Structure formats: structure tokens, C-alpha cells
Amino acid sequence: MSRLAGSTTGAKQEIYGFIEEFVEHGNGVIMVSSEVDEVLGMSTRIVIFRRGKITAELDNRGLTAADLLHAAS
């Protein structure tokens, strides 16, 4: 479950805005989330782990929720 899951929609949008501004200044962010829409909306690269090992690494260009779920299964 995402650590933002308990946040209000407004708070999430504020946090997303901060992350986007941070990245625009050349910084990197590692986000851990199980929410597919959040992952697709905020990521340029997605790494999927299963049992402590990387099972997939995806470039988020045109990925769909179905693509992501397929890679994670």
C-alpha cells in the first residue's frame, strides 16, 4: 500500500507537485507504491521486485495498467 494512501486528494496533489519540481531540478526520486495509477502517473522507469529480486525493469513510455500488471504477475 502506498504511504500516500491515507492522504487526501489535495495533499497527494501537493506532494506530487513537490516531487515533479524536485525532479525538474535534476534530482531523482525512488517511489515505492502498489497503486498502479500512481506508479504509471509518476514514474519514468519502473522496477518490479518479487521476493527481494528484480523481476522486471520497464521504461514508462506508453505503458498501460495491463502492461504493468502482466509484468508483475
Protein backbone atom coordinates (compact mmCIF):
# COMPACT_ATOMS: atom_id res chain seq x y z
CA MET A 1 0.00 0.00 0.00
CA SER A 2 1.30 3.46 -0.85
CA ARG A 3 2.37 5.66 2.04
CA LEU A 4 0.20 8.34 0.42
CA ALA A 5 -2.86 6.11 0.57
CA GLY A 6 -4.16 7.76 3.73
CA SER A 7 -3.64 11.27 2.34
CA THR A 8 -6.42 13.41 0.98
CA THR A 9 -6.54 14.04 -2.75
CA GLY A 10 -5.38 17.62 -2.22
CA ALA A 11 -2.44 16.51 -0.09
CA LYS A 12 -1.45 13.91 -2.69
CA GLN A 13 -1.53 16.52 -5.45
CA GLU A 14 0.66 18.82 -3.37
CA ILE A 15 3.16 16.02 -2.75
CA TYR A 16 3.16 15.08 -6.46
CA GLY A 17 3.80 18.73 -7.34
CA PHE A 18 6.75 18.84 -4.96
CA ILE A 19 8.19 15.64 -6.45
CA GLU A 20 7.81 16.95 -10.02
CA GLU A 21 9.52 20.24 -9.12
CA PHE A 22 12.30 18.35 -7.34
CA VAL A 23 12.87 16.18 -10.44
CA GLU A 24 12.81 19.23 -12.76
CA HIS A 25 15.86 20.49 -10.85
CA GLY A 26 17.82 17.38 -11.84
CA ASN A 27 17.14 15.27 -8.77
CA GLY A 28 15.97 11.68 -8.67
CA VAL A 29 13.22 10.11 -6.61
CA ILE A 30 12.60 6.50 -5.68
CA MET A 31 8.90 5.95 -5.10
CA VAL A 32 7.56 2.72 -3.65
CA SER A 33 3.89 2.09 -4.35
CA SER A 34 1.45 -0.69 -5.07
CA GLU A 35 -1.06 1.70 -6.66
CA VAL A 36 -0.90 1.15 -10.42
CA ASP A 37 -2.26 4.59 -11.36
CA GLU A 38 0.23 6.29 -9.06
CA VAL A 39 3.14 4.29 -10.47
CA LEU A 40 2.16 4.99 -14.09
CA GLY A 41 1.48 8.67 -13.41
CA MET A 42 4.67 9.47 -11.53
CA SER A 43 7.36 7.19 -12.96
CA THR A 44 9.73 7.29 -15.91
CA ARG A 45 11.17 3.89 -15.07
CA ILE A 46 9.51 1.09 -13.15
CA VAL A 47 11.35 -1.73 -11.40
CA ILE A 48 9.32 -4.67 -10.14
CA PHE A 49 10.61 -6.77 -7.27
CA ARG A 50 9.38 -10.16 -6.16
CA ARG A 51 10.80 -11.88 -3.08
CA GLY A 52 13.66 -9.38 -2.92
CA LYS A 53 14.76 -9.82 -6.55
CA ILE A 54 14.22 -7.65 -9.61
CA THR A 55 11.81 -9.45 -11.93
CA ALA A 56 11.19 -6.64 -14.44
CA GLU A 57 12.52 -3.21 -15.37
CA LEU A 58 10.30 -1.13 -17.64
CA ASP A 59 10.59 2.22 -19.39
CA ASN A 60 7.31 4.03 -18.76
CA ARG A 61 6.63 5.21 -22.32
CA GLY A 62 3.10 4.27 -23.23
CA LEU A 63 2.76 1.57 -20.59
CA THR A 64 -0.78 0.66 -19.63
CA ALA A 65 -2.11 -0.75 -16.38
CA ALA A 66 -2.49 -4.08 -18.17
CA ASP A 67 1.19 -4.00 -19.24
CA LEU A 68 2.29 -3.28 -15.70
CA LEU A 69 0.09 -5.96 -14.14
CA HIS A 70 1.27 -8.50 -16.71
CA ALA A 71 4.91 -7.73 -15.91
CA ALA A 72 4.21 -8.02 -12.20
CA SER A 73 2.48 -11.40 -12.43
